[in-house]
N, C-alpha and C. Protein backbone atom coordinates (compact mmCIF):
# COMPACT_ATOMS: atom_id res chain seq x y z
N MET A 1 7.35 -0.76 -3.31
CA MET A 1 6.17 -0.54 -2.53
C MET A 1 6.49 0.21 -1.33
N LEU A 2 7.25 0.44 -0.60
CA LEU A 2 7.58 1.50 0.31
C LEU A 2 7.58 2.73 0.24
N THR A 3 8.02 3.02 -1.03
CA THR A 3 8.37 4.27 -1.61
C THR A 3 7.05 4.95 -2.31
N ILE A 4 5.83 4.21 -2.20
CA ILE A 4 4.63 4.77 -2.98
C ILE A 4 4.22 5.48 -1.18
N THR A 5 4.35 6.47 -1.40
CA THR A 5 3.20 7.32 -0.59
C THR A 5 1.93 7.39 -0.17
N THR A 6 1.37 6.84 -1.35
CA THR A 6 -0.25 6.89 -1.15
C THR A 6 -0.69 5.35 -0.52
N ILE A 7 -0.03 4.73 -0.21
CA ILE A 7 -0.72 3.55 0.40
C ILE A 7 -0.76 3.86 1.76
N PRO A 8 -1.69 3.30 2.63
CA PRO A 8 -1.98 4.17 4.10
C PRO A 8 -0.69 3.07 5.26
N ASP A 9 -0.85 3.35 6.40
CA ASP A 9 0.41 3.25 7.02
C ASP A 9 -0.11 1.52 7.62
N ASP A 10 -1.92 1.58 7.51
CA ASP A 10 -2.33 0.43 7.95
C ASP A 10 -2.40 -0.60 7.02
N VAL A 11 -2.25 -0.54 5.67
CA VAL A 11 -2.67 -1.24 4.73
C VAL A 11 -1.06 -1.83 4.83
N LEU A 12 -0.45 -0.95 4.42
CA LEU A 12 1.49 -1.00 4.21
C LEU A 12 1.67 -1.98 5.83
N ALA A 13 1.00 -1.78 6.90
CA ALA A 13 1.62 -2.50 8.22
C ALA A 13 1.18 -4.04 8.13
N GLU A 14 -0.24 -4.05 7.70
CA GLU A 14 -0.82 -5.58 7.37
C GLU A 14 -0.14 -6.28 6.72
N THR A 15 0.55 -5.61 5.51
CA THR A 15 1.11 -6.67 4.39
C THR A 15 2.40 -6.96 5.07
N ILE A 16 2.94 -5.92 5.95
CA ILE A 16 4.52 -6.52 5.96
C ILE A 16 3.89 -7.27 7.20
N ASN A 17 3.09 -7.52 8.09
CA ASN A 17 2.74 -8.60 9.11
C ASN A 17 2.41 -9.78 8.08
N THR A 18 1.63 -10.38 7.17
CA THR A 18 1.42 -10.86 6.04
C THR A 18 3.03 -11.63 5.99
N ILE A 19 4.02 -10.97 5.26
CA ILE A 19 4.79 -11.58 5.20
C ILE A 19 5.93 -12.10 6.26
N ALA A 20 5.57 -11.43 7.30
CA ALA A 20 6.27 -11.35 8.57
C ALA A 20 6.04 -12.93 8.87
N ASP A 21 4.90 -12.84 9.17
CA ASP A 21 3.94 -14.49 9.47
C ASP A 21 4.21 -15.74 8.12
N ILE A 22 4.56 -15.46 6.74
CA ILE A 22 5.23 -16.29 5.97
C ILE A 22 6.50 -16.83 5.89
N ILE A 23 7.52 -16.32 6.64
CA ILE A 23 8.90 -16.11 6.49
C ILE A 23 9.01 -16.68 8.16
N HIS A 24 8.17 -16.71 8.98
CA HIS A 24 8.48 -16.84 10.27
C HIS A 24 9.05 -18.21 10.33
N GLY A 25 10.16 -19.00 10.56
CA GLY A 25 10.68 -20.26 11.08
C GLY A 25 10.56 -21.04 9.56
N ASN A 26 10.59 -20.46 8.53
CA ASN A 26 10.39 -21.37 7.10
C ASN A 26 11.39 -20.73 6.46
N ALA A 27 12.75 -21.82 6.30
CA ALA A 27 13.95 -21.44 6.10
C ALA A 27 14.04 -21.24 4.38
N GLU A 28 12.76 -22.18 3.39
CA GLU A 28 12.78 -21.45 2.37
C GLU A 28 12.30 -20.44 1.96
N ASN A 29 10.98 -19.83 2.84
CA ASN A 29 10.63 -18.17 2.55
C ASN A 29 11.74 -17.39 2.71
N GLN A 30 12.37 -17.78 4.53
CA GLN A 30 13.07 -16.91 4.93
C GLN A 30 14.24 -16.41 3.52
N GLN A 31 15.21 -18.07 2.77
CA GLN A 31 15.81 -17.37 1.58
C GLN A 31 15.42 -17.05 0.45
N PHE A 32 14.46 -16.99 0.23
CA PHE A 32 13.49 -16.12 -0.61
C PHE A 32 13.80 -14.53 -0.23
N LEU A 33 13.34 -14.19 0.61
CA LEU A 33 13.26 -13.17 1.39
C LEU A 33 14.76 -12.44 1.39
N SER A 34 15.77 -12.82 1.87
CA SER A 34 17.28 -13.12 1.34
C SER A 34 17.52 -12.48 0.27
N SER A 35 17.04 -13.37 -0.66
CA SER A 35 17.75 -12.91 -2.05
C SER A 35 17.36 -11.68 -2.39
N PHE A 36 16.14 -11.11 -2.27
CA PHE A 36 15.02 -9.91 -2.66
C PHE A 36 15.70 -9.25 -2.06
N ILE A 37 16.46 -9.15 -0.40
CA ILE A 37 17.22 -8.26 0.49
C ILE A 37 18.63 -7.99 -0.55
N ASN A 38 18.79 -9.03 -1.11
CA ASN A 38 20.29 -8.57 -1.31
C ASN A 38 20.55 -8.16 -2.81
N THR A 39 19.34 -7.67 -3.35
CA THR A 39 19.42 -7.32 -4.42
C THR A 39 18.30 -6.01 -4.73
N THR A 40 17.96 -5.63 -3.56
CA THR A 40 17.19 -4.37 -4.12
C THR A 40 17.72 -3.67 -2.69
N THR A 41 17.09 -2.32 -2.46
CA THR A 41 17.40 -1.34 -1.16
C THR A 41 15.61 -1.32 -0.76
N GLU A 42 15.02 -2.04 -0.91
CA GLU A 42 13.76 -1.85 -0.80
C GLU A 42 14.13 -2.41 1.34
N ASP A 43 15.12 -3.54 1.56
CA ASP A 43 15.59 -3.96 3.09
C ASP A 43 15.81 -2.53 3.73
N LYS A 44 16.82 -1.82 3.20
CA LYS A 44 16.55 -0.59 3.90
C LYS A 44 15.79 0.71 3.87
N HIS A 45 14.80 0.53 2.90
CA HIS A 45 13.73 1.30 3.17
C HIS A 45 13.06 1.01 4.13
N LEU A 46 12.69 -0.47 4.05
CA LEU A 46 11.92 -0.97 5.25
C LEU A 46 12.42 -0.64 6.75
N LEU A 47 13.78 -0.81 6.55
CA LEU A 47 14.25 -0.21 8.05
C LEU A 47 14.63 0.93 8.33
N ASN A 48 14.65 1.80 7.59
CA ASN A 48 14.83 2.96 7.63
C ASN A 48 13.50 3.64 8.04
N LYS A 49 12.40 3.13 7.65
CA LYS A 49 10.80 3.78 8.33
C LYS A 49 11.22 3.46 9.70
N MET A 50 11.42 2.45 10.45
CA MET A 50 11.40 1.88 11.46
C MET A 50 12.46 2.63 12.25
N THR A 51 13.72 3.01 11.76
CA THR A 51 14.97 3.63 12.78
C THR A 51 14.62 5.08 12.43
N ASN A 52 14.29 5.68 11.31
CA ASN A 52 14.38 7.40 11.26
C ASN A 52 13.57 7.92 10.94
N ASP A 53 11.80 7.14 10.72
CA ASP A 53 10.72 8.04 10.00
C ASP A 53 9.63 8.17 11.19
N LYS A 54 10.34 9.34 12.32
CA LYS A 54 9.65 9.28 12.95
C LYS A 54 7.87 9.80 12.93
N LYS A 55 7.69 10.41 11.72
CA LYS A 55 6.39 10.46 11.18
C LYS A 55 5.45 9.18 10.61
N LYS A 56 6.56 7.91 10.62
CA LYS A 56 5.38 6.86 10.40
C LYS A 56 4.72 6.42 11.51
N SER A 57 3.49 5.61 11.80
CA SER A 57 3.11 5.30 12.52
C SER A 57 3.71 4.18 13.84
N PHE A 58 3.19 4.60 14.53
CA PHE A 58 3.80 3.25 15.81
C PHE A 58 3.88 1.85 15.57
N ARG A 59 2.28 1.82 14.60
CA ARG A 59 2.05 0.53 14.16
C ARG A 59 2.73 0.09 13.38
N LEU A 60 3.07 0.73 12.39
CA LEU A 60 4.07 0.46 10.74
C LEU A 60 5.38 0.19 11.49
N ARG A 61 6.09 1.01 12.22
CA ARG A 61 6.87 0.90 12.59
C ARG A 61 7.28 -0.88 13.48
N ILE A 62 6.07 -1.00 14.70
CA ILE A 62 6.14 -2.13 15.21
C ILE A 62 5.74 -3.69 13.91
N SER A 63 5.31 -3.34 13.34
CA SER A 63 5.03 -4.79 11.95
C SER A 63 6.72 -4.75 11.01
N ILE A 64 7.24 -3.29 11.26
CA ILE A 64 8.64 -3.40 10.97
C ILE A 64 9.37 -4.51 11.78
N LEU A 65 9.34 -4.12 12.34
CA LEU A 65 10.41 -4.75 13.85
C LEU A 65 9.98 -6.41 13.68
N TYR A 66 8.36 -6.58 13.90
CA TYR A 66 7.81 -8.05 13.94
C TYR A 66 8.37 -8.66 12.44
N CYS A 67 8.63 -7.89 11.59
CA CYS A 67 9.44 -8.74 10.28
C CYS A 67 10.40 -9.18 10.51
N LEU A 68 11.49 -8.17 10.77
CA LEU A 68 12.71 -7.92 11.20
C LEU A 68 12.77 -9.35 12.00
N GLN A 69 11.90 -9.53 13.21
CA GLN A 69 12.29 -11.03 14.04
C GLN A 69 11.97 -11.79 13.51
N CYS A 70 11.09 -12.04 12.63
CA CYS A 70 10.33 -13.51 12.04
C CYS A 70 11.56 -13.70 10.71
N TYR A 71 11.91 -12.77 10.31
CA TYR A 71 13.43 -13.10 9.45
C TYR A 71 14.05 -14.09 9.84
N LEU A 72 14.61 -13.38 11.53
CA LEU A 72 15.61 -13.39 12.09
C LEU A 72 15.83 -14.93 12.31
N HIS A 73 14.32 -15.40 12.88
CA HIS A 73 14.22 -16.32 13.74
C HIS A 73 14.56 -17.68 13.43
N LYS A 74 15.17 -18.49 13.83
CA LYS A 74 16.01 -19.90 13.44
C LYS A 74 17.10 -19.46 11.69
N ASN A 75 17.25 -18.41 11.87
CA ASN A 75 18.07 -17.99 10.65
C ASN A 75 19.00 -17.38 10.17
N ASP A 76 19.98 -18.41 10.56
CA ASP A 76 21.48 -17.82 10.48
C ASP A 76 22.23 -17.68 9.79
N PHE A 77 22.01 -17.79 8.26
CA PHE A 77 22.17 -17.06 7.78
C PHE A 77 21.88 -15.60 7.38
N GLY A 78 20.73 -15.39 7.83
CA GLY A 78 20.28 -13.83 7.82
C GLY A 78 20.87 -13.13 8.82
N LYS A 79 21.05 -13.66 10.02
CA LYS A 79 21.33 -13.21 11.36
C LYS A 79 23.15 -12.93 10.71
N SER A 80 23.87 -13.76 10.09
CA SER A 80 25.70 -13.66 9.85
C SER A 80 25.51 -12.79 9.30
N MET A 81 24.57 -12.15 7.72
CA MET A 81 25.26 -11.44 6.83
C MET A 81 24.60 -10.05 7.73
N ILE A 82 23.43 -10.02 8.57
CA ILE A 82 23.41 -8.38 9.17
C ILE A 82 24.74 -8.31 10.22
N VAL A 83 24.67 -9.50 11.17
CA VAL A 83 25.93 -8.98 12.04
C VAL A 83 27.10 -8.65 11.00
N GLU A 84 27.73 -9.02 9.89
CA GLU A 84 29.03 -8.70 9.27
C GLU A 84 28.92 -6.95 9.17
N THR A 85 27.32 -6.67 8.76
CA THR A 85 27.14 -5.12 8.38
C THR A 85 27.47 -4.24 9.97
N LEU A 86 27.71 -4.97 10.82
CA LEU A 86 28.11 -4.41 12.12
C LEU A 86 29.45 -4.14 12.66
N LEU A 87 29.87 -4.71 11.98
CA LEU A 87 31.55 -5.13 12.12
C LEU A 87 31.81 -3.95 11.28
N PRO A 88 33.37 -3.52 12.21
CA PRO A 88 34.12 -2.97 11.24
C PRO A 88 34.41 -3.14 10.22
N GLN A 89 34.44 -1.92 8.72
CA GLN A 89 34.44 -2.33 7.65
C GLN A 89 35.79 -1.38 7.17
N ASN A 90 36.54 -1.67 5.74
CA ASN A 90 37.39 -0.65 5.38
C ASN A 90 36.88 0.50 4.90
N GLU A 91 37.17 1.30 4.62
CA GLU A 91 36.92 2.70 4.33
C GLU A 91 35.92 2.47 3.36
N THR A 92 36.07 2.22 2.01
CA THR A 92 34.95 1.98 1.01
C THR A 92 33.24 1.62 2.08
N ALA A 93 33.47 0.45 2.17
CA ALA A 93 31.64 -0.03 2.55
C ALA A 93 32.08 0.80 4.51
N ALA A 94 32.42 1.36 4.99
CA ALA A 94 32.21 2.62 6.21
C ALA A 94 31.19 3.74 5.31
N ASN A 95 31.63 4.11 4.79
CA ASN A 95 30.81 5.36 4.01
C ASN A 95 29.16 4.68 3.21
N GLN A 96 28.97 3.42 3.41
CA GLN A 96 27.46 3.42 2.95
C GLN A 96 26.46 2.60 4.01
N CYS A 97 25.90 3.13 3.39
CA CYS A 97 24.77 2.68 4.32
C CYS A 97 24.35 1.47 4.76
N THR A 98 24.70 0.55 5.62
CA THR A 98 24.26 -1.03 5.91
C THR A 98 23.18 -1.11 6.87
N PHE A 99 22.50 -2.25 6.43
CA PHE A 99 21.24 -2.74 7.84
C PHE A 99 22.16 -2.55 9.08
N GLY A 100 23.47 -2.52 9.02
CA GLY A 100 23.92 -2.38 10.76
C GLY A 100 24.01 -1.05 10.84
N HIS A 101 24.73 -0.25 10.22
CA HIS A 101 24.70 1.07 10.04
C HIS A 101 23.05 1.62 11.10
N LEU A 102 22.17 1.02 10.02
CA LEU A 102 20.82 1.62 10.26
C LEU A 102 20.07 1.39 11.74
N LEU A 103 20.67 0.11 12.18
CA LEU A 103 20.12 -0.40 13.74
C LEU A 103 20.86 0.80 14.48
N ILE A 104 22.48 0.77 14.19
CA ILE A 104 23.41 1.55 15.27
C ILE A 104 22.91 2.95 15.32
N ILE A 105 22.22 3.52 13.87
CA ILE A 105 21.42 5.31 14.52
C ILE A 105 20.23 5.33 15.13
N GLY A 106 19.50 3.94 14.81
CA GLY A 106 18.57 3.78 15.36
C GLY A 106 18.66 3.62 17.28
N TYR A 107 19.26 2.77 16.94
CA TYR A 107 19.91 2.72 18.65
C TYR A 107 20.14 3.47 19.65
N LEU A 108 21.00 4.59 19.02
CA LEU A 108 21.64 5.71 20.03
C LEU A 108 20.75 7.21 19.05
N SER A 109 19.47 6.72 18.96
CA SER A 109 18.14 7.62 18.83
C SER A 109 17.78 8.14 20.16
N LYS A 110 18.08 9.67 20.01
CA LYS A 110 16.99 10.02 20.76
C LYS A 110 15.34 9.94 20.95
N ASP A 111 14.88 9.34 19.92
CA ASP A 111 13.55 8.72 20.07
C ASP A 111 13.52 7.64 20.44
N ILE A 112 12.47 7.49 21.45
CA ILE A 112 12.52 6.28 22.48
C ILE A 112 11.93 4.91 22.03
N VAL A 113 11.10 4.95 20.94
CA VAL A 113 10.42 4.18 20.49
C VAL A 113 11.75 3.46 19.05
N THR A 114 12.46 4.55 18.33
CA THR A 114 13.77 4.15 17.42
C THR A 114 14.83 3.53 18.04
N SER A 115 14.62 3.65 19.20
CA SER A 115 15.62 3.14 19.93
C SER A 115 15.51 2.26 20.71
N TRP A 116 14.26 1.88 21.46
CA TRP A 116 13.39 0.60 21.41
C TRP A 116 13.53 -0.73 20.49
N CYS A 117 12.94 -0.15 19.46
CA CYS A 117 12.61 -0.96 18.66
C CYS A 117 14.31 -1.53 17.95
N SER A 118 15.38 -0.70 17.82
CA SER A 118 16.86 -1.13 17.01
C SER A 118 17.19 -1.83 18.33
N SER A 119 17.20 -2.03 19.65
CA SER A 119 17.24 -2.45 20.80
C SER A 119 16.37 -4.06 21.10
N ILE A 120 15.67 -3.75 20.42
CA ILE A 120 14.66 -5.33 20.50
C ILE A 120 15.35 -6.05 18.81
N ALA A 121 15.97 -5.40 18.27
CA ALA A 121 16.06 -6.00 17.21
C ALA A 121 17.70 -6.08 16.92
N LEU A 122 18.22 -5.87 17.48
CA LEU A 122 19.69 -6.24 18.02
C LEU A 122 19.79 -7.47 19.18
N ALA A 123 18.55 -7.36 19.94
CA ALA A 123 18.37 -8.56 20.80
C ALA A 123 18.32 -9.85 20.19
N HIS A 124 17.19 -9.81 19.27
CA HIS A 124 17.14 -11.02 18.60
C HIS A 124 18.34 -11.26 17.40
N LEU A 125 18.80 -9.97 17.01
CA LEU A 125 20.49 -10.82 16.40
C LEU A 125 21.21 -11.71 16.95
N ILE A 126 21.18 -11.59 18.32
CA ILE A 126 22.32 -12.21 19.01
C ILE A 126 21.59 -13.53 20.22
N ALA A 127 20.45 -13.50 20.20
CA ALA A 127 19.54 -14.36 21.12
C ALA A 127 19.81 -15.65 20.82
N ASP A 128 20.66 -16.24 21.84
CA ASP A 128 20.54 -18.08 22.06
C ASP A 128 22.12 -17.97 20.55
N ASP A 129 22.53 -17.19 20.36
CA ASP A 129 24.03 -17.48 19.52
C ASP A 129 25.43 -17.21 20.17
N GLU A 130 26.11 -17.73 20.92
CA GLU A 130 27.35 -17.10 21.53
C GLU A 130 28.34 -16.43 20.30
N LYS A 131 28.39 -17.06 19.26
CA LYS A 131 29.21 -16.36 18.37
C LYS A 131 28.80 -14.91 17.77
N TYR A 132 27.58 -15.06 17.46
CA TYR A 132 26.96 -13.57 17.91
C TYR A 132 27.20 -12.62 18.84
N LYS A 133 26.97 -13.42 19.68
CA LYS A 133 27.10 -12.81 21.22
C LYS A 133 28.77 -11.59 21.13
N LYS A 134 29.83 -13.02 20.74
CA LYS A 134 31.01 -12.21 20.72
C LYS A 134 31.33 -11.70 19.07
N ALA A 135 30.71 -11.49 18.20
CA ALA A 135 30.78 -10.40 17.41
C ALA A 135 30.20 -9.36 17.51
N ILE A 136 29.39 -8.90 18.42
CA ILE A 136 28.68 -7.64 18.51
C ILE A 136 29.46 -7.07 19.36
N LEU A 137 29.83 -7.25 20.28
CA LEU A 137 30.90 -6.99 21.01
C LEU A 137 32.31 -6.18 20.70
N LYS A 138 32.57 -6.46 19.02
CA LYS A 138 33.49 -5.82 18.60
C LYS A 138 33.18 -4.39 17.87
N VAL A 139 31.40 -4.43 17.53
CA VAL A 139 30.49 -3.10 17.34
C VAL A 139 31.73 -1.82 17.52
N ILE A 140 31.76 -0.99 16.72
CA ILE A 140 32.17 0.24 17.12
C ILE A 140 31.06 1.24 17.38
N LEU A 141 30.69 1.91 18.51
CA LEU A 141 29.65 3.12 18.14
C LEU A 141 29.93 4.29 18.26
N THR A 142 29.65 5.13 17.19
CA THR A 142 30.00 6.90 17.24
C THR A 142 29.15 7.11 16.81
N PHE A 143 28.84 8.77 17.38
CA PHE A 143 27.99 9.68 17.29
C PHE A 143 27.94 9.94 15.65
């Protein structure tokens, strides 16, 4: 759906907000979304729109951030999956574009909205969990 360019940003934003509301705090729906994320590249398209596509509307970018926050809410599996992509990888994995890689690119971006969205996503990733706070200290930031 994200690769179809004829869908207006407002419609896409509302669709993403609806999905976010459905998965917020619901373990079964979060697991379903996790299985979808692990088998497609839609998650990377979604995060890429938030972090790298400055032409997309602010509303769409905030909807994507909201969806990510809802996915992470009370979802230890989802958090650990994303934290793993932030940690140093072997050479073959280091060349892949991962969820964590996109978050770091967004965090280091010169675009204020992109950096802010990525910062908020990273904050939700480590919120209220000591092990993720310690793990994120191992992240290597490179330009």
